[in-house]
Amino acid sequence: MSRFALRSFLIGAACLAGLCAAHAQDSVTFSGKAAYYDPDYKGKTTSGEPYDGTKFTAAHKTLPFGTRLRVTDTRTGRSTLVVVNDRGPFTPGRIIDLSLAAAKEIGMIKRGIIAVTVTVLAPDKPAAAVKTGD
């Protein structure tokens, strides 16, 4: 298991165990490459929800569904809040796939794949802080 995969697994396990809140607020972070869903994608997510490009959602390999994340473009500093509702990405070297709405918010559409920092937000953050596109 790679170092990244192990770290992702441990972060996911900690969130499942409710330890994200026990950590200092916003202290669990990791960095890597992000991509976004094809604008024409119309399928279902692994969580069973239909994919909706207008919602602020993301795919991550191990974090539990419902985990809230702040995704920050390391080049521009722009960030967006998303909720994990799918599994992936399955392309080597990528750590997260963003919905079209989230990708637009951080300005990555023209660049495609970008370097990001992902921060796991504590579960007790107000739900209103996460945009759903509704």
Protein backbone atom coordinates (compact mmCIF):
# COMPACT_ATOMS: atom_id res chain seq x y z
CA MET A 1 0.00 0.00 0.00
CA SER A 2 1.40 3.41 -0.96
CA ARG A 3 2.01 6.10 1.63
CA PHE A 4 -0.85 8.16 0.17
CA ALA A 5 -3.27 5.24 0.22
CA LEU A 6 -2.37 4.45 3.82
CA ARG A 7 -2.84 8.08 4.87
CA SER A 8 -6.21 8.28 3.07
CA PHE A 9 -7.31 5.07 4.73
CA LEU A 10 -6.31 6.34 8.18
CA ILE A 11 -8.09 9.67 7.63
CA GLY A 12 -11.24 7.82 6.54
CA ALA A 13 -11.04 5.48 9.53
CA ALA A 14 -10.60 8.40 11.91
CA CYS A 15 -13.66 10.15 10.47
CA LEU A 16 -15.73 6.97 10.74
CA ALA A 17 -14.69 6.68 14.37
CA GLY A 18 -15.72 10.29 14.99
CA LEU A 19 -12.18 11.42 15.62
CA CYS A 20 -12.18 14.22 13.06
CA ALA A 21 -13.93 16.43 15.59
CA ALA A 22 -11.41 15.40 18.25
CA HIS A 23 -8.63 16.66 16.00
CA ALA A 24 -7.95 20.38 15.98
CA GLN A 25 -10.50 22.03 13.71
CA ASP A 26 -9.55 21.78 10.03
CA SER A 27 -6.20 20.15 10.81
CA VAL A 28 -6.42 16.98 8.66
CA THR A 29 -5.10 17.90 5.22
CA PHE A 30 -3.54 16.22 2.22
CA SER A 31 -2.36 17.44 -1.17
CA GLY A 32 -2.33 16.13 -4.71
CA LYS A 33 -3.97 16.43 -8.10
CA ALA A 34 -7.68 17.06 -8.69
CA ALA A 35 -9.83 16.59 -11.76
CA TYR A 36 -13.55 17.09 -12.35
CA TYR A 37 -16.41 15.03 -13.75
CA ASP A 38 -17.08 15.11 -17.47
CA PRO A 39 -19.73 17.80 -18.07
CA ASP A 40 -21.82 15.24 -20.00
CA TYR A 41 -21.76 12.61 -17.23
CA LYS A 42 -25.31 11.59 -16.24
CA GLY A 43 -24.74 8.46 -14.11
CA LYS A 44 -25.16 7.54 -10.48
CA THR A 45 -22.62 7.98 -7.73
CA THR A 46 -21.40 5.06 -5.64
CA SER A 47 -23.54 6.35 -2.77
CA GLY A 48 -26.61 5.74 -4.95
CA GLU A 49 -27.41 9.40 -5.61
CA PRO A 50 -27.72 10.52 -9.22
CA TYR A 51 -24.72 12.69 -10.14
CA ASP A 52 -25.77 16.35 -10.22
CA GLY A 53 -23.15 18.71 -11.61
CA THR A 54 -24.87 21.69 -9.98
CA LYS A 55 -24.18 20.37 -6.47
CA PHE A 56 -20.91 20.81 -4.61
CA THR A 57 -19.83 17.18 -4.32
CA ALA A 58 -16.69 15.08 -4.77
CA ALA A 59 -15.36 11.57 -5.21
CA HIS A 60 -12.67 10.24 -2.88
CA LYS A 61 -11.33 6.70 -2.63
CA THR A 62 -11.67 6.15 1.13
CA LEU A 63 -13.32 9.02 3.00
CA PRO A 64 -16.83 8.19 4.22
CA PHE A 65 -19.81 9.46 2.27
CA GLY A 66 -21.01 12.72 3.80
CA THR A 67 -17.50 13.86 4.77
CA ARG A 68 -17.16 17.59 4.25
CA LEU A 69 -14.02 18.90 2.60
CA ARG A 70 -12.48 22.23 1.76
CA VAL A 71 -10.63 21.93 -1.55
CA THR A 72 -8.12 24.70 -2.28
CA ASP A 73 -6.36 25.38 -5.58
CA THR A 74 -2.73 25.68 -4.50
CA ARG A 75 -1.88 28.05 -7.37
CA THR A 76 -4.68 30.60 -6.91
CA GLY A 77 -5.79 30.06 -3.31
CA ARG A 78 -9.44 29.78 -4.39
CA SER A 79 -11.40 27.18 -2.46
CA THR A 80 -14.74 25.43 -2.39
CA LEU A 81 -16.63 23.29 0.11
CA VAL A 82 -17.80 19.85 -1.04
CA VAL A 83 -19.38 16.69 0.35
CA VAL A 84 -18.02 13.25 -0.54
CA ASN A 85 -20.75 11.21 -2.27
CA ASP A 86 -18.78 9.03 -4.69
CA ARG A 87 -15.70 6.81 -4.97
CA GLY A 88 -12.72 7.66 -7.11
CA PRO A 89 -10.70 8.91 -8.78
CA PHE A 90 -9.28 5.73 -10.24
CA THR A 91 -6.65 7.43 -12.37
CA PRO A 92 -3.16 7.12 -10.84
CA GLY A 93 -1.84 10.34 -9.34
CA ARG A 94 -5.20 11.95 -8.61
CA ILE A 95 -6.66 12.31 -5.12
CA ILE A 96 -10.11 13.80 -5.75
CA ASP A 97 -12.70 14.34 -8.48
CA LEU A 98 -14.91 17.43 -8.16
CA SER A 99 -18.39 18.10 -9.45
CA LEU A 100 -18.71 20.64 -12.26
CA ALA A 101 -20.08 23.29 -9.85
CA ALA A 102 -17.12 22.89 -7.49
CA ALA A 103 -14.65 22.93 -10.38
CA LYS A 104 -16.15 26.16 -11.72
CA GLU A 105 -16.05 27.77 -8.28
CA ILE A 106 -12.30 27.30 -7.93
CA GLY A 107 -11.64 28.18 -11.58
CA MET A 108 -10.16 24.89 -12.79
CA ILE A 109 -12.27 24.31 -15.91
CA LYS A 110 -9.73 25.63 -18.44
CA ARG A 111 -6.76 23.98 -16.69
CA GLY A 112 -8.40 20.57 -16.21
CA ILE A 113 -6.15 18.87 -13.66
CA ILE A 114 -4.79 21.07 -10.87
CA ALA A 115 -2.80 20.82 -7.66
CA VAL A 116 -5.01 21.09 -4.58
CA THR A 117 -4.90 20.90 -0.82
CA VAL A 118 -7.86 19.07 0.72
CA THR A 119 -8.89 19.78 4.31
CA VAL A 120 -11.25 17.41 6.12
CA LEU A 121 -13.77 19.51 8.03
CA ALA A 122 -15.02 18.46 11.42
CA PRO A 123 -18.46 16.82 11.34
CA ASP A 124 -19.87 19.43 13.70
CA LYS A 125 -19.40 22.27 11.19
CA PRO A 126 -22.77 23.84 10.33
CA ALA A 127 -24.41 22.15 7.33
CA ALA A 128 -25.27 25.57 5.91
CA ALA A 129 -21.56 26.14 5.23
CA VAL A 130 -21.61 23.53 2.47
CA LYS A 131 -23.19 24.61 -0.82
CA THR A 132 -25.49 22.07 -2.42
CA GLY A 133 -26.52 24.04 -5.47
CA ASP A 134 -30.19 24.04 -4.43
